[in-house]
Amino acid sequence: MPLCAERFDGLADAFIGVAEFDPLRDHGRAYAAALRAAGGRVTDHFGAGLVHAALRAKGCSQVEAFYDALCRFLRDY
């Protein structure tokens, strides 16, 4: 788990996406906060209504929005 790291400074910009009903959601949010506290740049996306592994779903507008956000991050990186 990334939160086990001793330091969070000097890392690359990060995209952190979490699903609303994912048991790892709070870990993702805490990791984003730790990166920001260390001066890191974080782009985060909250997948409202999504569950763990929802990115496999086809034809779901929330999943498409997630991929759009990820692609924007990668394009701008």
PDB file of N, CA and C in Angstrom:
ATOM      1  N   MET A   1       0.844  -1.184   0.000  1.00  0.00           N
ATOM      2  CA  MET A   1       0.000   0.000   0.000  1.00  0.00           C
ATOM      3  C   MET A   1       0.886   1.243   0.000  1.00  0.00           C
ATOM      4  N   PRO A   2       0.585   2.180  -0.879  1.00  0.00           N
ATOM      5  CA  PRO A   2       1.381   3.409  -0.937  1.00  0.00           C
ATOM      6  C   PRO A   2       1.442   4.162   0.386  1.00  0.00           C
ATOM      7  N   LEU A   3       0.416   4.046   1.212  1.00  0.00           N
ATOM      8  CA  LEU A   3       0.416   4.787   2.479  1.00  0.00           C
ATOM      9  C   LEU A   3       1.462   4.281   3.462  1.00  0.00           C
ATOM     10  N   CYS A   4       2.067   3.148   3.173  1.00  0.00           N
ATOM     11  CA  CYS A   4       3.103   2.609   4.055  1.00  0.00           C
ATOM     12  C   CYS A   4       4.456   3.278   3.826  1.00  0.00           C
ATOM     13  N   ALA A   5       4.559   4.104   2.797  1.00  0.00           N
ATOM     14  CA  ALA A   5       5.825   4.779   2.508  1.00  0.00           C
ATOM     15  C   ALA A   5       6.210   5.701   3.658  1.00  0.00           C
ATOM     16  N   GLU A   6       7.498   5.871   3.827  1.00  0.00           N
ATOM     17  CA  GLU A   6       7.982   6.769   4.870  1.00  0.00           C
ATOM     18  C   GLU A   6       7.968   8.219   4.414  1.00  0.00           C
ATOM     19  N   ARG A   7       8.102   8.434   3.099  1.00  0.00           N
ATOM     20  CA  ARG A   7       8.139   9.791   2.551  1.00  0.00           C
ATOM     21  C   ARG A   7       7.257   9.855   1.308  1.00  0.00           C
ATOM     22  N   PHE A   8       6.727  11.038   1.063  1.00  0.00           N
ATOM     23  CA  PHE A   8       5.862  11.241  -0.093  1.00  0.00           C
ATOM     24  C   PHE A   8       6.337  12.403  -0.964  1.00  0.00           C
ATOM     25  N   ASP A   9       7.500  12.954  -0.652  1.00  0.00           N
ATOM     26  CA  ASP A   9       8.007  14.076  -1.440  1.00  0.00           C
ATOM     27  C   ASP A   9       8.813  13.561  -2.629  1.00  0.00           C
ATOM     28  N   GLY A  10       8.950  14.412  -3.646  1.00  0.00           N
ATOM     29  CA  GLY A  10       9.767  14.079  -4.798  1.00  0.00           C
ATOM     30  C   GLY A  10       9.146  13.093  -5.769  1.00  0.00           C
ATOM     31  N   LEU A  11       7.872  12.826  -5.637  1.00  0.00           N
ATOM     32  CA  LEU A  11       7.208  11.872  -6.526  1.00  0.00           C
ATOM     33  C   LEU A  11       6.604  12.591  -7.727  1.00  0.00           C
ATOM     34  N   ALA A  12       6.367  11.844  -8.775  1.00  0.00           N
ATOM     35  CA  ALA A  12       5.751  12.403  -9.979  1.00  0.00           C
ATOM     36  C   ALA A  12       4.317  12.836  -9.690  1.00  0.00           C
ATOM     37  N   ASP A  13       3.797  13.703 -10.559  1.00  0.00           N
ATOM     38  CA  ASP A  13       2.389  14.070 -10.463  1.00  0.00           C
ATOM     39  C   ASP A  13       1.553  12.793 -10.480  1.00  0.00           C
ATOM     40  N   ALA A  14       0.431  12.816  -9.792  1.00  0.00           N
ATOM     41  CA  ALA A  14      -0.374  11.602  -9.647  1.00  0.00           C
ATOM     42  C   ALA A  14      -1.827  11.843 -10.020  1.00  0.00           C
ATOM     43  N   PHE A  15      -2.428  10.847 -10.632  1.00  0.00           N
ATOM     44  CA  PHE A  15      -3.870  10.796 -10.844  1.00  0.00           C
ATOM     45  C   PHE A  15      -4.378   9.720  -9.904  1.00  0.00           C
ATOM     46  N   ILE A  16      -5.294  10.087  -9.031  1.00  0.00           N
ATOM     47  CA  ILE A  16      -5.849   9.123  -8.087  1.00  0.00           C
ATOM     48  C   ILE A  16      -7.357   9.126  -8.256  1.00  0.00           C
ATOM     49  N   GLY A  17      -7.866   8.007  -8.698  1.00  0.00           N
ATOM     50  CA  GLY A  17      -9.302   7.871  -8.884  1.00  0.00           C
ATOM     51  C   GLY A  17      -9.864   6.892  -7.875  1.00  0.00           C
ATOM     52  N   VAL A  18     -10.952   7.279  -7.263  1.00  0.00           N
ATOM     53  CA  VAL A  18     -11.595   6.406  -6.281  1.00  0.00           C
ATOM     54  C   VAL A  18     -13.073   6.268  -6.613  1.00  0.00           C
ATOM     55  N   ALA A  19     -13.607   5.119  -6.298  1.00  0.00           N
ATOM     56  CA  ALA A  19     -15.030   4.857  -6.493  1.00  0.00           C
ATOM     57  C   ALA A  19     -15.765   5.072  -5.172  1.00  0.00           C
ATOM     58  N   GLU A  20     -16.975   5.564  -5.273  1.00  0.00           N
ATOM     59  CA  GLU A  20     -17.751   5.884  -4.072  1.00  0.00           C
ATOM     60  C   GLU A  20     -17.930   4.684  -3.149  1.00  0.00           C
ATOM     61  N   PHE A  21     -18.192   3.530  -3.733  1.00  0.00           N
ATOM     62  CA  PHE A  21     -18.474   2.337  -2.928  1.00  0.00           C
ATOM     63  C   PHE A  21     -17.349   1.310  -3.042  1.00  0.00           C
ATOM     64  N   ASP A  22     -16.119   1.788  -2.928  1.00  0.00           N
ATOM     65  CA  ASP A  22     -14.940   0.933  -2.987  1.00  0.00           C
ATOM     66  C   ASP A  22     -14.335   0.857  -1.587  1.00  0.00           C
ATOM     67  N   PRO A  23     -14.032  -0.340  -1.099  1.00  0.00           N
ATOM     68  CA  PRO A  23     -13.436  -0.434   0.232  1.00  0.00           C
ATOM     69  C   PRO A  23     -12.067   0.246   0.315  1.00  0.00           C
ATOM     70  N   LEU A  24     -11.447   0.542  -0.831  1.00  0.00           N
ATOM     71  CA  LEU A  24     -10.155   1.219  -0.846  1.00  0.00           C
ATOM     72  C   LEU A  24     -10.283   2.732  -1.027  1.00  0.00           C
ATOM     73  N   ARG A  25     -11.495   3.227  -1.083  1.00  0.00           N
ATOM     74  CA  ARG A  25     -11.735   4.658  -1.320  1.00  0.00           C
ATOM     75  C   ARG A  25     -10.990   5.541  -0.323  1.00  0.00           C
ATOM     76  N   ASP A  26     -11.116   5.251   0.950  1.00  0.00           N
ATOM     77  CA  ASP A  26     -10.489   6.094   1.966  1.00  0.00           C
ATOM     78  C   ASP A  26      -8.966   6.058   1.875  1.00  0.00           C
ATOM     79  N   HIS A  27      -8.411   4.918   1.479  1.00  0.00           N
ATOM     80  CA  HIS A  27      -6.964   4.826   1.295  1.00  0.00           C
ATOM     81  C   HIS A  27      -6.515   5.728   0.146  1.00  0.00           C
ATOM     82  N   GLY A  28      -7.274   5.718  -0.937  1.00  0.00           N
ATOM     83  CA  GLY A  28      -6.940   6.581  -2.068  1.00  0.00           C
ATOM     84  C   GLY A  28      -6.984   8.048  -1.694  1.00  0.00           C
ATOM     85  N   ARG A  29      -8.001   8.426  -0.969  1.00  0.00           N
ATOM     86  CA  ARG A  29      -8.116   9.822  -0.536  1.00  0.00           C
ATOM     87  C   ARG A  29      -6.994  10.196   0.436  1.00  0.00           C
ATOM     88  N   ALA A  30      -6.653   9.295   1.328  1.00  0.00           N
ATOM     89  CA  ALA A  30      -5.567   9.569   2.275  1.00  0.00           C
ATOM     90  C   ALA A  30      -4.226   9.681   1.551  1.00  0.00           C
ATOM     91  N   TYR A  31      -4.020   8.849   0.533  1.00  0.00           N
ATOM     92  CA  TYR A  31      -2.780   8.912  -0.247  1.00  0.00           C
ATOM     93  C   TYR A  31      -2.688  10.252  -0.977  1.00  0.00           C
ATOM     94  N   ALA A  32      -3.786  10.682  -1.559  1.00  0.00           N
ATOM     95  CA  ALA A  32      -3.805  11.988  -2.230  1.00  0.00           C
ATOM     96  C   ALA A  32      -3.470  13.100  -1.239  1.00  0.00           C
ATOM     97  N   ALA A  33      -4.027  13.032  -0.055  1.00  0.00           N
ATOM     98  CA  ALA A  33      -3.755  14.045   0.970  1.00  0.00           C
ATOM     99  C   ALA A  33      -2.287  14.022   1.390  1.00  0.00           C
ATOM    100  N   ALA A  34      -1.713  12.830   1.527  1.00  0.00           N
ATOM    101  CA  ALA A  34      -0.304  12.719   1.912  1.00  0.00           C
ATOM    102  C   ALA A  34       0.605  13.298   0.834  1.00  0.00           C
ATOM    103  N   LEU A  35       0.280  13.035  -0.423  1.00  0.00           N
ATOM    104  CA  LEU A  35       1.071  13.599  -1.519  1.00  0.00           C
ATOM    105  C   LEU A  35       0.986  15.121  -1.520  1.00  0.00           C
ATOM    106  N   ARG A  36      -0.219  15.635  -1.363  1.00  0.00           N
ATOM    107  CA  ARG A  36      -0.395  17.095  -1.340  1.00  0.00           C
ATOM    108  C   ARG A  36       0.355  17.724  -0.162  1.00  0.00           C
ATOM    109  N   ALA A  37       0.281  17.089   0.994  1.00  0.00           N
ATOM    110  CA  ALA A  37       0.961  17.616   2.181  1.00  0.00           C
ATOM    111  C   ALA A  37       2.473  17.667   1.981  1.00  0.00           C
ATOM    112  N   ALA A  38       2.989  16.782   1.126  1.00  0.00           N
ATOM    113  CA  ALA A  38       4.421  16.750   0.838  1.00  0.00           C
ATOM    114  C   ALA A  38       4.778  17.633  -0.353  1.00  0.00           C
ATOM    115  N   GLY A  39       3.802  18.398  -0.842  1.00  0.00           N
ATOM    116  CA  GLY A  39       4.058  19.304  -1.959  1.00  0.00           C
ATOM    117  C   GLY A  39       3.814  18.696  -3.323  1.00  0.00           C
ATOM    118  N   GLY A  40       3.238  17.515  -3.359  1.00  0.00           N
ATOM    119  CA  GLY A  40       2.973  16.852  -4.629  1.00  0.00           C
ATOM    120  C   GLY A  40       1.756  17.413  -5.339  1.00  0.00           C
ATOM    121  N   ARG A  41       1.748  17.212  -6.645  1.00  0.00           N
ATOM    122  CA  ARG A  41       0.602  17.637  -7.457  1.00  0.00           C
ATOM    123  C   ARG A  41      -0.277  16.419  -7.717  1.00  0.00           C
ATOM    124  N   VAL A  42      -1.541  16.540  -7.346  1.00  0.00           N
ATOM    125  CA  VAL A  42      -2.473  15.421  -7.452  1.00  0.00           C
ATOM    126  C   VAL A  42      -3.717  15.863  -8.198  1.00  0.00           C
ATOM    127  N   THR A  43      -4.096  15.060  -9.169  1.00  0.00           N
ATOM    128  CA  THR A  43      -5.394  15.202  -9.813  1.00  0.00           C
ATOM    129  C   THR A  43      -6.221  14.038  -9.312  1.00  0.00           C
ATOM    130  N   ASP A  44      -7.361  14.337  -8.715  1.00  0.00           N
ATOM    131  CA  ASP A  44      -8.177  13.235  -8.215  1.00  0.00           C
ATOM    132  C   ASP A  44      -9.546  13.249  -8.869  1.00  0.00           C
ATOM    133  N   HIS A  45     -10.113  12.058  -8.922  1.00  0.00           N
ATOM    134  CA  HIS A  45     -11.440  11.889  -9.514  1.00  0.00           C
ATOM    135  C   HIS A  45     -12.255  10.997  -8.589  1.00  0.00           C
ATOM    136  N   PHE A  46     -13.443  11.464  -8.263  1.00  0.00           N
ATOM    137  CA  PHE A  46     -14.356  10.699  -7.414  1.00  0.00           C
ATOM    138  C   PHE A  46     -15.436  10.106  -8.302  1.00  0.00           C
ATOM    139  N   GLY A  47     -15.496   8.792  -8.370  1.00  0.00           N
ATOM    140  CA  GLY A  47     -16.486   8.102  -9.183  1.00  0.00           C
ATOM    141  C   GLY A  47     -17.779   7.906  -8.407  1.00  0.00           C
ATOM    142  N   ALA A  48     -18.648   8.906  -8.460  1.00  0.00           N
ATOM    143  CA  ALA A  48     -19.928   8.833  -7.741  1.00  0.00           C
ATOM    144  C   ALA A  48     -20.746   7.646  -8.235  1.00  0.00           C
ATOM    145  N   GLY A  49     -21.214   6.855  -7.288  1.00  0.00           N
ATOM    146  CA  GLY A  49     -22.062   5.716  -7.610  1.00  0.00           C
ATOM    147  C   GLY A  49     -21.313   4.484  -8.076  1.00  0.00           C
ATOM    148  N   LEU A  50     -19.992   4.572  -8.205  1.00  0.00           N
ATOM    149  CA  LEU A  50     -19.220   3.439  -8.710  1.00  0.00           C
ATOM    150  C   LEU A  50     -18.765   2.527  -7.579  1.00  0.00           C
ATOM    151  N   VAL A  51     -18.508   1.275  -7.947  1.00  0.00           N
ATOM    152  CA  VAL A  51     -18.014   0.267  -7.014  1.00  0.00           C
ATOM    153  C   VAL A  51     -16.610  -0.146  -7.444  1.00  0.00           C
ATOM    154  N   HIS A  52     -15.924  -0.897  -6.589  1.00  0.00           N
ATOM    155  CA  HIS A  52     -14.605  -1.427  -6.928  1.00  0.00           C
ATOM    156  C   HIS A  52     -14.705  -2.213  -8.234  1.00  0.00           C
ATOM    157  N   ALA A  53     -13.751  -2.026  -9.117  1.00  0.00           N
ATOM    158  CA  ALA A  53     -13.670  -2.703 -10.416  1.00  0.00           C
ATOM    159  C   ALA A  53     -14.730  -2.232 -11.401  1.00  0.00           C
ATOM    160  N   ALA A  54     -15.363  -1.111 -11.152  1.00  0.00           N
ATOM    161  CA  ALA A  54     -16.398  -0.592 -12.056  1.00  0.00           C
ATOM    162  C   ALA A  54     -15.837  -0.197 -13.411  1.00  0.00           C
ATOM    163  N   LEU A  55     -14.533   0.011 -13.510  1.00  0.00           N
ATOM    164  CA  LEU A  55     -13.960   0.456 -14.775  1.00  0.00           C
ATOM    165  C   LEU A  55     -14.088  -0.583 -15.875  1.00  0.00           C
ATOM    166  N   ARG A  56     -14.524  -1.759 -15.535  1.00  0.00           N
ATOM    167  CA  ARG A  56     -14.777  -2.794 -16.542  1.00  0.00           C
ATOM    168  C   ARG A  56     -16.142  -2.624 -17.203  1.00  0.00           C
ATOM    169  N   ALA A  57     -16.990  -1.809 -16.606  1.00  0.00           N
ATOM    170  CA  ALA A  57     -18.354  -1.635 -17.123  1.00  0.00           C
ATOM    171  C   ALA A  57     -18.325  -0.878 -18.444  1.00  0.00           C
ATOM    172  N   LYS A  58     -19.155  -1.304 -19.360  1.00  0.00           N
ATOM    173  CA  LYS A  58     -19.260  -0.636 -20.659  1.00  0.00           C
ATOM    174  C   LYS A  58     -20.593   0.088 -20.730  1.00  0.00           C
ATOM    175  N   GLY A  59     -20.576   1.263 -21.340  1.00  0.00           N
ATOM    176  CA  GLY A  59     -21.809   2.012 -21.516  1.00  0.00           C
ATOM    177  C   GLY A  59     -22.301   2.711 -20.266  1.00  0.00           C
ATOM    178  N   CYS A  60     -21.437   2.901 -19.293  1.00  0.00           N
ATOM    179  CA  CYS A  60     -21.796   3.561 -18.035  1.00  0.00           C
ATOM    180  C   CYS A  60     -21.216   4.975 -18.059  1.00  0.00           C
ATOM    181  N   SER A  61     -22.064   5.977 -17.936  1.00  0.00           N
ATOM    182  CA  SER A  61     -21.593   7.360 -18.056  1.00  0.00           C
ATOM    183  C   SER A  61     -20.576   7.726 -16.980  1.00  0.00           C
ATOM    184  N   GLN A  62     -20.718   7.188 -15.772  1.00  0.00           N
ATOM    185  CA  GLN A  62     -19.757   7.487 -14.711  1.00  0.00           C
ATOM    186  C   GLN A  62     -18.375   6.908 -15.029  1.00  0.00           C
ATOM    187  N   VAL A  63     -18.360   5.726 -15.638  1.00  0.00           N
ATOM    188  CA  VAL A  63     -17.090   5.109 -16.027  1.00  0.00           C
ATOM    189  C   VAL A  63     -16.462   5.900 -17.168  1.00  0.00           C
ATOM    190  N   GLU A  64     -17.271   6.319 -18.127  1.00  0.00           N
ATOM    191  CA  GLU A  64     -16.754   7.128 -19.231  1.00  0.00           C
ATOM    192  C   GLU A  64     -16.170   8.437 -18.709  1.00  0.00           C
ATOM    193  N   ALA A  65     -16.815   9.048 -17.721  1.00  0.00           N
ATOM    194  CA  ALA A  65     -16.304  10.290 -17.127  1.00  0.00           C
ATOM    195  C   ALA A  65     -14.961  10.040 -16.441  1.00  0.00           C
ATOM    196  N   PHE A  66     -14.830   8.894 -15.791  1.00  0.00           N
ATOM    197  CA  PHE A  66     -13.569   8.539 -15.141  1.00  0.00           C
ATOM    198  C   PHE A  66     -12.452   8.437 -16.175  1.00  0.00           C
ATOM    199  N   TYR A  67     -12.711   7.689 -17.258  1.00  0.00           N
ATOM    200  CA  TYR A  67     -11.698   7.545 -18.302  1.00  0.00           C
ATOM    201  C   TYR A  67     -11.383   8.882 -18.968  1.00  0.00           C
ATOM    202  N   ASP A  68     -12.386   9.729 -19.152  1.00  0.00           N
ATOM    203  CA  ASP A  68     -12.144  11.065 -19.714  1.00  0.00           C
ATOM    204  C   ASP A  68     -11.193  11.853 -18.822  1.00  0.00           C
ATOM    205  N   ALA A  69     -11.423  11.817 -17.510  1.00  0.00           N
ATOM    206  CA  ALA A  69     -10.557  12.534 -16.568  1.00  0.00           C
ATOM    207  C   ALA A  69      -9.137  11.973 -16.602  1.00  0.00           C
ATOM    208  N   LEU A  70      -9.011  10.663 -16.651  1.00  0.00           N
ATOM    209  CA  LEU A  70      -7.694  10.038 -16.710  1.00  0.00           C
ATOM    210  C   LEU A  70      -6.968  10.421 -17.996  1.00  0.00           C
ATOM    211  N   CYS A  71      -7.667  10.377 -19.112  1.00  0.00           N
ATOM    212  CA  CYS A  71      -7.044  10.730 -20.394  1.00  0.00           C
ATOM    213  C   CYS A  71      -6.620  12.194 -20.426  1.00  0.00           C
ATOM    214  N   ARG A  72      -7.429  13.091 -19.853  1.00  0.00           N
ATOM    215  CA  ARG A  72      -7.037  14.504 -19.768  1.00  0.00           C
ATOM    216  C   ARG A  72      -5.748  14.655 -18.964  1.00  0.00           C
ATOM    217  N   PHE A  73      -5.675  13.951 -17.839  1.00  0.00           N
ATOM    218  CA  PHE A  73      -4.472  14.007 -17.009  1.00  0.00           C
ATOM    219  C   PHE A  73      -3.252  13.547 -17.804  1.00  0.00           C
ATOM    220  N   LEU A  74      -3.376  12.417 -18.482  1.00  0.00           N
ATOM    221  CA  LEU A  74      -2.247  11.878 -19.245  1.00  0.00           C
ATOM    222  C   LEU A  74      -1.867  12.794 -20.402  1.00  0.00           C
ATOM    223  N   ARG A  75      -2.854  13.352 -21.070  1.00  0.00           N
ATOM    224  CA  ARG A  75      -2.600  14.248 -22.199  1.00  0.00           C
ATOM    225  C   ARG A  75      -1.861  15.505 -21.731  1.00  0.00           C
ATOM    226  N   ASP A  76      -2.239  16.014 -20.568  1.00  0.00           N
ATOM    227  CA  ASP A  76      -1.643  17.248 -20.058  1.00  0.00           C
ATOM    228  C   ASP A  76      -0.316  17.025 -19.342  1.00  0.00           C
ATOM    229  N   TYR A  77       0.006  15.786 -19.035  1.00  0.00           N
ATOM    230  CA  TYR A  77       1.195  15.483 -18.239  1.00  0.00           C
ATOM    231  C   TYR A  77       2.453  15.754 -19.004  1.00  0.00           C
TER     232      TYR A  77
END
